[in-house]
Amino acid sequence: MQRRRILLLSDAIRDIQKIYDDILSISKSKTVAQNYLKKLRHELRHLEFTAEACTHYVLDDGSSTDYRFCPACNYIAFFRLTENAIEIDRILYSRSDFIRHLDL
């Protein structure tokens, strides 16, 4: 199993900021929001070794994409594999409309 670096692309960085802002707004606690992000990042770190085992995202018409996905907390990380890296494009709430947010 090859270890790959995890790279958060610009949309994923914005997604993480939105997750933080949403949790802060609801909980009114920076500590709660920071701890949630730590948990999310910890779950994403497992991708360094397991990314190839993650499922390809398939469109409603049955066609496969180059996106793979994995759950992390209440979110789903969508990423692409390169030779040495895992490029996380988006981190979306698990009940959201993914097609609307992904560049397919």
PDB file of N, CA and C in Angstrom:
ATOM      1  N   MET A   1       0.840  -1.186   0.000  1.00  0.00           N
ATOM      2  CA  MET A   1       0.000   0.000   0.000  1.00  0.00           C
ATOM      3  C   MET A   1       0.884   1.247   0.000  1.00  0.00           C
ATOM      4  N   GLN A   2       0.630   2.138  -0.918  1.00  0.00           N
ATOM      5  CA  GLN A   2       1.415   3.357  -1.046  1.00  0.00           C
ATOM      6  C   GLN A   2       0.822   4.466  -0.179  1.00  0.00           C
ATOM      7  N   ARG A   3       1.688   5.182   0.511  1.00  0.00           N
ATOM      8  CA  ARG A   3       1.238   6.330   1.297  1.00  0.00           C
ATOM      9  C   ARG A   3       1.242   7.562   0.396  1.00  0.00           C
ATOM     10  N   ARG A   4       0.148   8.283   0.431  1.00  0.00           N
ATOM     11  CA  ARG A   4       0.024   9.497  -0.374  1.00  0.00           C
ATOM     12  C   ARG A   4      -0.209  10.694   0.535  1.00  0.00           C
ATOM     13  N   ARG A   5       0.273  11.839   0.076  1.00  0.00           N
ATOM     14  CA  ARG A   5       0.005  13.095   0.790  1.00  0.00           C
ATOM     15  C   ARG A   5      -1.440  13.493   0.553  1.00  0.00           C
ATOM     16  N   ILE A   6      -2.028  14.150   1.541  1.00  0.00           N
ATOM     17  CA  ILE A   6      -3.382  14.667   1.397  1.00  0.00           C
ATOM     18  C   ILE A   6      -3.285  16.161   1.105  1.00  0.00           C
ATOM     19  N   LEU A   7      -3.881  16.561   0.006  1.00  0.00           N
ATOM     20  CA  LEU A   7      -3.914  17.968  -0.384  1.00  0.00           C
ATOM     21  C   LEU A   7      -5.362  18.443  -0.380  1.00  0.00           C
ATOM     22  N   LEU A   8      -5.624  19.504   0.345  1.00  0.00           N
ATOM     23  CA  LEU A   8      -6.949  20.119   0.322  1.00  0.00           C
ATOM     24  C   LEU A   8      -6.947  21.193  -0.747  1.00  0.00           C
ATOM     25  N   LEU A   9      -7.784  21.034  -1.747  1.00  0.00           N
ATOM     26  CA  LEU A   9      -7.891  22.039  -2.793  1.00  0.00           C
ATOM     27  C   LEU A   9      -8.761  23.189  -2.297  1.00  0.00           C
ATOM     28  N   SER A  10      -8.811  24.262  -3.059  1.00  0.00           N
ATOM     29  CA  SER A  10      -9.442  25.502  -2.582  1.00  0.00           C
ATOM     30  C   SER A  10     -10.897  25.329  -2.148  1.00  0.00           C
ATOM     31  N   ASP A  11     -11.692  24.562  -2.901  1.00  0.00           N
ATOM     32  CA  ASP A  11     -13.087  24.354  -2.499  1.00  0.00           C
ATOM     33  C   ASP A  11     -13.178  23.578  -1.188  1.00  0.00           C
ATOM     34  N   ALA A  12     -12.296  22.612  -0.993  1.00  0.00           N
ATOM     35  CA  ALA A  12     -12.294  21.839   0.254  1.00  0.00           C
ATOM     36  C   ALA A  12     -11.916  22.724   1.441  1.00  0.00           C
ATOM     37  N   ILE A  13     -11.000  23.638   1.230  1.00  0.00           N
ATOM     38  CA  ILE A  13     -10.628  24.580   2.298  1.00  0.00           C
ATOM     39  C   ILE A  13     -11.826  25.448   2.660  1.00  0.00           C
ATOM     40  N   ARG A  14     -12.541  25.931   1.643  1.00  0.00           N
ATOM     41  CA  ARG A  14     -13.758  26.717   1.907  1.00  0.00           C
ATOM     42  C   ARG A  14     -14.818  25.871   2.609  1.00  0.00           C
ATOM     43  N   ASP A  15     -14.929  24.602   2.214  1.00  0.00           N
ATOM     44  CA  ASP A  15     -15.890  23.712   2.869  1.00  0.00           C
ATOM     45  C   ASP A  15     -15.562  23.560   4.354  1.00  0.00           C
ATOM     46  N   ILE A  16     -14.300  23.382   4.674  1.00  0.00           N
ATOM     47  CA  ILE A  16     -13.902  23.238   6.077  1.00  0.00           C
ATOM     48  C   ILE A  16     -14.204  24.515   6.855  1.00  0.00           C
ATOM     49  N   GLN A  17     -13.962  25.662   6.248  1.00  0.00           N
ATOM     50  CA  GLN A  17     -14.274  26.930   6.918  1.00  0.00           C
ATOM     51  C   GLN A  17     -15.779  27.054   7.162  1.00  0.00           C
ATOM     52  N   LYS A  18     -16.570  26.623   6.183  1.00  0.00           N
ATOM     53  CA  LYS A  18     -18.029  26.671   6.344  1.00  0.00           C
ATOM     54  C   LYS A  18     -18.483  25.706   7.440  1.00  0.00           C
ATOM     55  N   ILE A  19     -17.896  24.533   7.482  1.00  0.00           N
ATOM     56  CA  ILE A  19     -18.231  23.573   8.537  1.00  0.00           C
ATOM     57  C   ILE A  19     -17.937  24.197   9.902  1.00  0.00           C
ATOM     58  N   TYR A  20     -16.767  24.794  10.029  1.00  0.00           N
ATOM     59  CA  TYR A  20     -16.393  25.455  11.287  1.00  0.00           C
ATOM     60  C   TYR A  20     -17.406  26.549  11.641  1.00  0.00           C
ATOM     61  N   ASP A  21     -17.699  27.408  10.672  1.00  0.00           N
ATOM     62  CA  ASP A  21     -18.637  28.516  10.908  1.00  0.00           C
ATOM     63  C   ASP A  21     -20.015  28.008  11.307  1.00  0.00           C
ATOM     64  N   ASP A  22     -20.499  26.963  10.640  1.00  0.00           N
ATOM     65  CA  ASP A  22     -21.817  26.409  10.959  1.00  0.00           C
ATOM     66  C   ASP A  22     -21.855  25.832  12.369  1.00  0.00           C
ATOM     67  N   ILE A  23     -20.831  25.080  12.735  1.00  0.00           N
ATOM     68  CA  ILE A  23     -20.799  24.481  14.073  1.00  0.00           C
ATOM     69  C   ILE A  23     -20.649  25.554  15.135  1.00  0.00           C
ATOM     70  N   LEU A  24     -19.837  26.563  14.860  1.00  0.00           N
ATOM     71  CA  LEU A  24     -19.680  27.677  15.793  1.00  0.00           C
ATOM     72  C   LEU A  24     -21.002  28.414  15.971  1.00  0.00           C
ATOM     73  N   SER A  25     -21.715  28.634  14.883  1.00  0.00           N
ATOM     74  CA  SER A  25     -22.998  29.327  14.939  1.00  0.00           C
ATOM     75  C   SER A  25     -24.019  28.558  15.774  1.00  0.00           C
ATOM     76  N   ILE A  26     -24.041  27.248  15.602  1.00  0.00           N
ATOM     77  CA  ILE A  26     -25.007  26.424  16.325  1.00  0.00           C
ATOM     78  C   ILE A  26     -24.607  26.241  17.791  1.00  0.00           C
ATOM     79  N   SER A  27     -23.334  25.939  18.024  1.00  0.00           N
ATOM     80  CA  SER A  27     -22.895  25.605  19.381  1.00  0.00           C
ATOM     81  C   SER A  27     -22.510  26.824  20.211  1.00  0.00           C
ATOM     82  N   LYS A  28     -22.169  27.918  19.536  1.00  0.00           N
ATOM     83  CA  LYS A  28     -21.685  29.132  20.211  1.00  0.00           C
ATOM     84  C   LYS A  28     -20.391  28.862  20.987  1.00  0.00           C
ATOM     85  N   SER A  29     -19.653  27.846  20.561  1.00  0.00           N
ATOM     86  CA  SER A  29     -18.428  27.470  21.258  1.00  0.00           C
ATOM     87  C   SER A  29     -17.299  27.213  20.266  1.00  0.00           C
ATOM     88  N   LYS A  30     -16.229  28.004  20.374  1.00  0.00           N
ATOM     89  CA  LYS A  30     -15.065  27.782  19.518  1.00  0.00           C
ATOM     90  C   LYS A  30     -14.435  26.420  19.800  1.00  0.00           C
ATOM     91  N   THR A  31     -14.463  26.011  21.048  1.00  0.00           N
ATOM     92  CA  THR A  31     -13.875  24.727  21.428  1.00  0.00           C
ATOM     93  C   THR A  31     -14.614  23.577  20.747  1.00  0.00           C
ATOM     94  N   VAL A  32     -15.927  23.631  20.758  1.00  0.00           N
ATOM     95  CA  VAL A  32     -16.720  22.581  20.102  1.00  0.00           C
ATOM     96  C   VAL A  32     -16.404  22.542  18.609  1.00  0.00           C
ATOM     97  N   ALA A  33     -16.373  23.697  17.968  1.00  0.00           N
ATOM     98  CA  ALA A  33     -16.094  23.764  16.531  1.00  0.00           C
ATOM     99  C   ALA A  33     -14.680  23.260  16.225  1.00  0.00           C
ATOM    100  N   GLN A  34     -13.707  23.660  17.026  1.00  0.00           N
ATOM    101  CA  GLN A  34     -12.326  23.219  16.809  1.00  0.00           C
ATOM    102  C   GLN A  34     -12.185  21.717  17.020  1.00  0.00           C
ATOM    103  N   ASN A  35     -12.836  21.188  18.048  1.00  0.00           N
ATOM    104  CA  ASN A  35     -12.764  19.747  18.304  1.00  0.00           C
ATOM    105  C   ASN A  35     -13.410  18.939  17.187  1.00  0.00           C
ATOM    106  N   TYR A  36     -14.497  19.462  16.630  1.00  0.00           N
ATOM    107  CA  TYR A  36     -15.145  18.765  15.518  1.00  0.00           C
ATOM    108  C   TYR A  36     -14.213  18.715  14.308  1.00  0.00           C
ATOM    109  N   LEU A  37     -13.543  19.835  14.021  1.00  0.00           N
ATOM    110  CA  LEU A  37     -12.611  19.844  12.887  1.00  0.00           C
ATOM    111  C   LEU A  37     -11.441  18.911  13.129  1.00  0.00           C
ATOM    112  N   LYS A  38     -10.968  18.821  14.356  1.00  0.00           N
ATOM    113  CA  LYS A  38      -9.897  17.871  14.670  1.00  0.00           C
ATOM    114  C   LYS A  38     -10.342  16.446  14.378  1.00  0.00           C
ATOM    115  N   LYS A  39     -11.559  16.119  14.782  1.00  0.00           N
ATOM    116  CA  LYS A  39     -12.104  14.784  14.531  1.00  0.00           C
ATOM    117  C   LYS A  39     -12.232  14.533  13.025  1.00  0.00           C
ATOM    118  N   LEU A  40     -12.722  15.519  12.294  1.00  0.00           N
ATOM    119  CA  LEU A  40     -12.866  15.406  10.838  1.00  0.00           C
ATOM    120  C   LEU A  40     -11.504  15.184  10.183  1.00  0.00           C
ATOM    121  N   ARG A  41     -10.517  15.975  10.568  1.00  0.00           N
ATOM    122  CA  ARG A  41      -9.173  15.829   9.983  1.00  0.00           C
ATOM    123  C   ARG A  41      -8.563  14.473  10.327  1.00  0.00           C
ATOM    124  N   HIS A  42      -8.816  14.004  11.546  1.00  0.00           N
ATOM    125  CA  HIS A  42      -8.305  12.698  11.953  1.00  0.00           C
ATOM    126  C   HIS A  42      -8.891  11.596  11.063  1.00  0.00           C
ATOM    127  N   GLU A  43     -10.174  11.664  10.793  1.00  0.00           N
ATOM    128  CA  GLU A  43     -10.804  10.671   9.926  1.00  0.00           C
ATOM    129  C   GLU A  43     -10.283  10.759   8.498  1.00  0.00           C
ATOM    130  N   LEU A  44     -10.010  11.970   8.026  1.00  0.00           N
ATOM    131  CA  LEU A  44      -9.480  12.134   6.670  1.00  0.00           C
ATOM    132  C   LEU A  44      -8.047  11.628   6.553  1.00  0.00           C
ATOM    133  N   ARG A  45      -7.303  11.683   7.646  1.00  0.00           N
ATOM    134  CA  ARG A  45      -5.908  11.240   7.631  1.00  0.00           C
ATOM    135  C   ARG A  45      -5.779   9.751   7.271  1.00  0.00           C
ATOM    136  N   HIS A  46      -6.816   8.977   7.545  1.00  0.00           N
ATOM    137  CA  HIS A  46      -6.782   7.562   7.197  1.00  0.00           C
ATOM    138  C   HIS A  46      -6.674   7.356   5.688  1.00  0.00           C
ATOM    139  N   LEU A  47      -7.047   8.357   4.923  1.00  0.00           N
ATOM    140  CA  LEU A  47      -6.961   8.246   3.465  1.00  0.00           C
ATOM    141  C   LEU A  47      -5.527   8.066   2.980  1.00  0.00           C
ATOM    142  N   GLU A  48      -4.560   8.503   3.765  1.00  0.00           N
ATOM    143  CA  GLU A  48      -3.158   8.370   3.348  1.00  0.00           C
ATOM    144  C   GLU A  48      -2.837   6.937   2.930  1.00  0.00           C
ATOM    145  N   PHE A  49      -3.459   5.984   3.585  1.00  0.00           N
ATOM    146  CA  PHE A  49      -3.172   4.583   3.306  1.00  0.00           C
ATOM    147  C   PHE A  49      -4.342   3.816   2.693  1.00  0.00           C
ATOM    148  N   THR A  50      -5.550   4.354   2.761  1.00  0.00           N
ATOM    149  CA  THR A  50      -6.727   3.586   2.339  1.00  0.00           C
ATOM    150  C   THR A  50      -7.467   4.179   1.142  1.00  0.00           C
ATOM    151  N   ALA A  51      -6.959   5.230   0.550  1.00  0.00           N
ATOM    152  CA  ALA A  51      -7.691   5.943  -0.506  1.00  0.00           C
ATOM    153  C   ALA A  51      -8.043   5.044  -1.689  1.00  0.00           C
ATOM    154  N   GLU A  52      -7.158   4.128  -2.049  1.00  0.00           N
ATOM    155  CA  GLU A  52      -7.419   3.262  -3.204  1.00  0.00           C
ATOM    156  C   GLU A  52      -8.594   2.325  -2.960  1.00  0.00           C
ATOM    157  N   ALA A  53      -8.892   2.053  -1.709  1.00  0.00           N
ATOM    158  CA  ALA A  53      -9.999   1.162  -1.382  1.00  0.00           C
ATOM    159  C   ALA A  53     -11.350   1.870  -1.405  1.00  0.00           C
ATOM    160  N   CYS A  54     -11.331   3.174  -1.480  1.00  0.00           N
ATOM    161  CA  CYS A  54     -12.583   3.944  -1.486  1.00  0.00           C
ATOM    162  C   CYS A  54     -13.285   3.811  -2.832  1.00  0.00           C
ATOM    163  N   THR A  55     -14.588   3.900  -2.792  1.00  0.00           N
ATOM    164  CA  THR A  55     -15.447   3.690  -3.947  1.00  0.00           C
ATOM    165  C   THR A  55     -15.418   4.873  -4.904  1.00  0.00           C
ATOM    166  N   HIS A  56     -15.478   4.553  -6.205  1.00  0.00           N
ATOM    167  CA  HIS A  56     -15.634   5.599  -7.220  1.00  0.00           C
ATOM    168  C   HIS A  56     -17.056   6.141  -7.138  1.00  0.00           C
ATOM    169  N   TYR A  57     -17.202   7.442  -7.373  1.00  0.00           N
ATOM    170  CA  TYR A  57     -18.532   8.046  -7.409  1.00  0.00           C
ATOM    171  C   TYR A  57     -19.146   7.751  -8.767  1.00  0.00           C
ATOM    172  N   VAL A  58     -20.342   7.180  -8.769  1.00  0.00           N
ATOM    173  CA  VAL A  58     -21.043   6.806  -9.996  1.00  0.00           C
ATOM    174  C   VAL A  58     -22.257   7.716 -10.163  1.00  0.00           C
ATOM    175  N   LEU A  59     -22.433   8.221 -11.380  1.00  0.00           N
ATOM    176  CA  LEU A  59     -23.562   9.097 -11.686  1.00  0.00           C
ATOM    177  C   LEU A  59     -24.848   8.286 -11.797  1.00  0.00           C
ATOM    178  N   ASP A  60     -25.973   8.981 -11.779  1.00  0.00           N
ATOM    179  CA  ASP A  60     -27.274   8.310 -11.863  1.00  0.00           C
ATOM    180  C   ASP A  60     -27.422   7.468 -13.129  1.00  0.00           C
ATOM    181  N   ASP A  61     -26.746   7.869 -14.206  1.00  0.00           N
ATOM    182  CA  ASP A  61     -26.846   7.109 -15.456  1.00  0.00           C
ATOM    183  C   ASP A  61     -25.927   5.891 -15.478  1.00  0.00           C
ATOM    184  N   GLY A  62     -25.201   5.662 -14.368  1.00  0.00           N
ATOM    185  CA  GLY A  62     -24.337   4.492 -14.255  1.00  0.00           C
ATOM    186  C   GLY A  62     -22.900   4.711 -14.676  1.00  0.00           C
ATOM    187  N   SER A  63     -22.599   5.911 -15.198  1.00  0.00           N
ATOM    188  CA  SER A  63     -21.222   6.158 -15.631  1.00  0.00           C
ATOM    189  C   SER A  63     -20.341   6.524 -14.428  1.00  0.00           C
ATOM    190  N   SER A  64     -19.134   6.012 -14.475  1.00  0.00           N
ATOM    191  CA  SER A  64     -18.180   6.237 -13.388  1.00  0.00           C
ATOM    192  C   SER A  64     -17.470   7.574 -13.577  1.00  0.00           C
ATOM    193  N   THR A  65     -16.979   8.129 -12.497  1.00  0.00           N
ATOM    194  CA  THR A  65     -16.217   9.377 -12.542  1.00  0.00           C
ATOM    195  C   THR A  65     -14.830   9.100 -11.978  1.00  0.00           C
ATOM    196  N   ASP A  66     -13.949  10.078 -12.073  1.00  0.00           N
ATOM    197  CA  ASP A  66     -12.630   9.897 -11.463  1.00  0.00           C
ATOM    198  C   ASP A  66     -12.632  10.291  -9.991  1.00  0.00           C
ATOM    199  N   TYR A  67     -13.782  10.725  -9.488  1.00  0.00           N
ATOM    200  CA  TYR A  67     -13.915  11.011  -8.060  1.00  0.00           C
ATOM    201  C   TYR A  67     -14.048   9.711  -7.273  1.00  0.00           C
ATOM    202  N   ARG A  68     -13.433   9.695  -6.121  1.00  0.00           N
ATOM    203  CA  ARG A  68     -13.692   8.666  -5.123  1.00  0.00           C
ATOM    204  C   ARG A  68     -14.277   9.395  -3.921  1.00  0.00           C
ATOM    205  N   PHE A  69     -14.869   8.661  -3.014  1.00  0.00           N
ATOM    206  CA  PHE A  69     -15.435   9.322  -1.846  1.00  0.00           C
ATOM    207  C   PHE A  69     -15.290   8.456  -0.607  1.00  0.00           C
ATOM    208  N   CYS A  70     -15.291   9.124   0.538  1.00  0.00           N
ATOM    209  CA  CYS A  70     -15.280   8.406   1.814  1.00  0.00           C
ATOM    210  C   CYS A  70     -15.992   9.261   2.847  1.00  0.00           C
ATOM    211  N   PRO A  71     -16.696   8.599   3.768  1.00  0.00           N
ATOM    212  CA  PRO A  71     -17.370   9.342   4.836  1.00  0.00           C
ATOM    213  C   PRO A  71     -16.361   9.818   5.879  1.00  0.00           C
ATOM    214  N   ALA A  72     -16.650  10.965   6.453  1.00  0.00           N
ATOM    215  CA  ALA A  72     -15.851  11.519   7.548  1.00  0.00           C
ATOM    216  C   ALA A  72     -16.804  12.337   8.412  1.00  0.00           C
ATOM    217  N   CYS A  73     -17.072  11.841   9.596  1.00  0.00           N
ATOM    218  CA  CYS A  73     -18.066  12.440  10.495  1.00  0.00           C
ATOM    219  C   CYS A  73     -19.407  12.471   9.761  1.00  0.00           C
ATOM    220  N   ASN A  74     -20.068  13.602   9.711  1.00  0.00           N
ATOM    221  CA  ASN A  74     -21.351  13.720   9.000  1.00  0.00           C
ATOM    222  C   ASN A  74     -21.167  14.234   7.581  1.00  0.00           C
ATOM    223  N   TYR A  75     -19.963  14.108   7.059  1.00  0.00           N
ATOM    224  CA  TYR A  75     -19.627  14.658   5.757  1.00  0.00           C
ATOM    225  C   TYR A  75     -19.063  13.563   4.866  1.00  0.00           C
ATOM    226  N   ILE A  76     -18.943  13.894   3.601  1.00  0.00           N
ATOM    227  CA  ILE A  76     -18.328  12.983   2.648  1.00  0.00           C
ATOM    228  C   ILE A  76     -17.252  13.760   1.903  1.00  0.00           C
ATOM    229  N   ALA A  77     -16.056  13.199   1.906  1.00  0.00           N
ATOM    230  CA  ALA A  77     -14.932  13.807   1.193  1.00  0.00           C
ATOM    231  C   ALA A  77     -14.878  13.219  -0.210  1.00  0.00           C
ATOM    232  N   PHE A  78     -14.833  14.091  -1.205  1.00  0.00           N
ATOM    233  CA  PHE A  78     -14.702  13.695  -2.600  1.00  0.00           C
ATOM    234  C   PHE A  78     -13.292  14.052  -3.040  1.00  0.00           C
ATOM    235  N   PHE A  79     -12.602  13.063  -3.596  1.00  0.00           N
ATOM    236  CA  PHE A  79     -11.195  13.284  -3.923  1.00  0.00           C
ATOM    237  C   PHE A  79     -10.807  12.540  -5.189  1.00  0.00           C
ATOM    238  N   ARG A  80      -9.657  12.934  -5.707  1.00  0.00           N
ATOM    239  CA  ARG A  80      -9.053  12.270  -6.858  1.00  0.00           C
ATOM    240  C   ARG A  80      -7.660  11.810  -6.439  1.00  0.00           C
ATOM    241  N   LEU A  81      -7.253  10.687  -6.991  1.00  0.00           N
ATOM    242  CA  LEU A  81      -5.917  10.176  -6.714  1.00  0.00           C
ATOM    243  C   LEU A  81      -4.959  10.604  -7.813  1.00  0.00           C
ATOM    244  N   THR A  82      -3.794  11.048  -7.401  1.00  0.00           N
ATOM    245  CA  THR A  82      -2.697  11.246  -8.342  1.00  0.00           C
ATOM    246  C   THR A  82      -1.616  10.248  -7.938  1.00  0.00           C
ATOM    247  N   GLU A  83      -0.511  10.271  -8.627  1.00  0.00           N
ATOM    248  CA  GLU A  83       0.538   9.294  -8.334  1.00  0.00           C
ATOM    249  C   GLU A  83       1.013   9.364  -6.878  1.00  0.00           C
ATOM    250  N   ASN A  84       1.149  10.580  -6.341  1.00  0.00           N
ATOM    251  CA  ASN A  84       1.696  10.729  -4.992  1.00  0.00           C
ATOM    252  C   ASN A  84       0.780  11.445  -4.013  1.00  0.00           C
ATOM    253  N   ALA A  85      -0.421  11.796  -4.450  1.00  0.00           N
ATOM    254  CA  ALA A  85      -1.268  12.618  -3.577  1.00  0.00           C
ATOM    255  C   ALA A  85      -2.734  12.219  -3.677  1.00  0.00           C
ATOM    256  N   ILE A  86      -3.442  12.653  -2.660  1.00  0.00           N
ATOM    257  CA  ILE A  86      -4.896  12.572  -2.617  1.00  0.00           C
ATOM    258  C   ILE A  86      -5.370  14.018  -2.649  1.00  0.00           C
ATOM    259  N   GLU A  87      -6.011  14.399  -3.711  1.00  0.00           N
ATOM    260  CA  GLU A  87      -6.480  15.777  -3.865  1.00  0.00           C
ATOM    261  C   GLU A  87      -7.954  15.836  -3.490  1.00  0.00           C
ATOM    262  N   ILE A  88      -8.216  16.364  -2.303  1.00  0.00           N
ATOM    263  CA  ILE A  88      -9.592  16.471  -1.841  1.00  0.00           C
ATOM    264  C   ILE A  88     -10.205  17.718  -2.449  1.00  0.00           C
ATOM    265  N   ASP A  89     -11.229  17.501  -3.286  1.00  0.00           N
ATOM    266  CA  ASP A  89     -11.901  18.606  -3.964  1.00  0.00           C
ATOM    267  C   ASP A  89     -12.986  19.228  -3.100  1.00  0.00           C
ATOM    268  N   ARG A  90     -13.787  18.383  -2.472  1.00  0.00           N
ATOM    269  CA  ARG A  90     -14.915  18.886  -1.689  1.00  0.00           C
ATOM    270  C   ARG A  90     -15.103  18.030  -0.445  1.00  0.00           C
ATOM    271  N   ILE A  91     -15.662  18.663   0.581  1.00  0.00           N
ATOM    272  CA  ILE A  91     -16.106  17.975   1.786  1.00  0.00           C
ATOM    273  C   ILE A  91     -17.529  18.468   2.009  1.00  0.00           C
ATOM    274  N   LEU A  92     -18.492  17.615   1.678  1.00  0.00           N
ATOM    275  CA  LEU A  92     -19.893  18.017   1.638  1.00  0.00           C
ATOM    276  C   LEU A  92     -20.707  17.287   2.687  1.00  0.00           C
ATOM    277  N   TYR A  93     -21.722  17.972   3.185  1.00  0.00           N
ATOM    278  CA  TYR A  93     -22.629  17.363   4.145  1.00  0.00           C
ATOM    279  C   TYR A  93     -23.240  16.120   3.514  1.00  0.00           C
ATOM    280  N   SER A  94     -23.338  15.056   4.263  1.00  0.00           N
ATOM    281  CA  SER A  94     -23.742  13.761   3.705  1.00  0.00           C
ATOM    282  C   SER A  94     -25.143  13.753   3.106  1.00  0.00           C
ATOM    283  N   ARG A  95     -25.980  14.687   3.480  1.00  0.00           N
ATOM    284  CA  ARG A  95     -27.339  14.719   2.928  1.00  0.00           C
ATOM    285  C   ARG A  95     -27.520  15.791   1.853  1.00  0.00           C
ATOM    286  N   SER A  96     -26.430  16.338   1.363  1.00  0.00           N
ATOM    287  CA  SER A  96     -26.549  17.389   0.350  1.00  0.00           C
ATOM    288  C   SER A  96     -26.658  16.783  -1.052  1.00  0.00           C
ATOM    289  N   ASP A  97     -26.966  17.625  -2.018  1.00  0.00           N
ATOM    290  CA  ASP A  97     -27.068  17.239  -3.420  1.00  0.00           C
ATOM    291  C   ASP A  97     -25.667  17.338  -4.025  1.00  0.00           C
ATOM    292  N   PHE A  98     -24.951  16.211  -4.058  1.00  0.00           N
ATOM    293  CA  PHE A  98     -23.543  16.220  -4.472  1.00  0.00           C
ATOM    294  C   PHE A  98     -23.343  16.707  -5.896  1.00  0.00           C
ATOM    295  N   ILE A  99     -24.201  16.272  -6.790  1.00  0.00           N
ATOM    296  CA  ILE A  99     -24.069  16.622  -8.203  1.00  0.00           C
ATOM    297  C   ILE A  99     -24.013  18.145  -8.380  1.00  0.00           C
ATOM    298  N   ARG A 100     -24.786  18.831  -7.604  1.00  0.00           N
ATOM    299  CA  ARG A 100     -24.852  20.288  -7.708  1.00  0.00           C
ATOM    300  C   ARG A 100     -23.512  20.942  -7.318  1.00  0.00           C
ATOM    301  N   HIS A 101     -22.728  20.265  -6.480  1.00  0.00           N
ATOM    302  CA  HIS A 101     -21.510  20.848  -5.941  1.00  0.00           C
ATOM    303  C   HIS A 101     -20.236  20.344  -6.605  1.00  0.00           C
ATOM    304  N   LEU A 102     -20.315  19.225  -7.290  1.00  0.00           N
ATOM    305  CA  LEU A 102     -19.113  18.638  -7.893  1.00  0.00           C
ATOM    306  C   LEU A 102     -18.953  19.104  -9.328  1.00  0.00           C
ATOM    307  N   ASP A 103     -17.712  19.276  -9.748  1.00  0.00           N
ATOM    308  CA  ASP A 103     -17.417  19.626 -11.135  1.00  0.00           C
ATOM    309  C   ASP A 103     -17.267  18.341 -11.950  1.00  0.00           C
ATOM    310  N   LEU A 104     -18.381  17.892 -12.500  1.00  0.00           N
ATOM    311  CA  LEU A 104     -18.354  16.639 -13.274  1.00  0.00           C
ATOM    312  C   LEU A 104     -18.502  16.917 -14.747  1.00  0.00           C
TER     313      LEU A 104
END
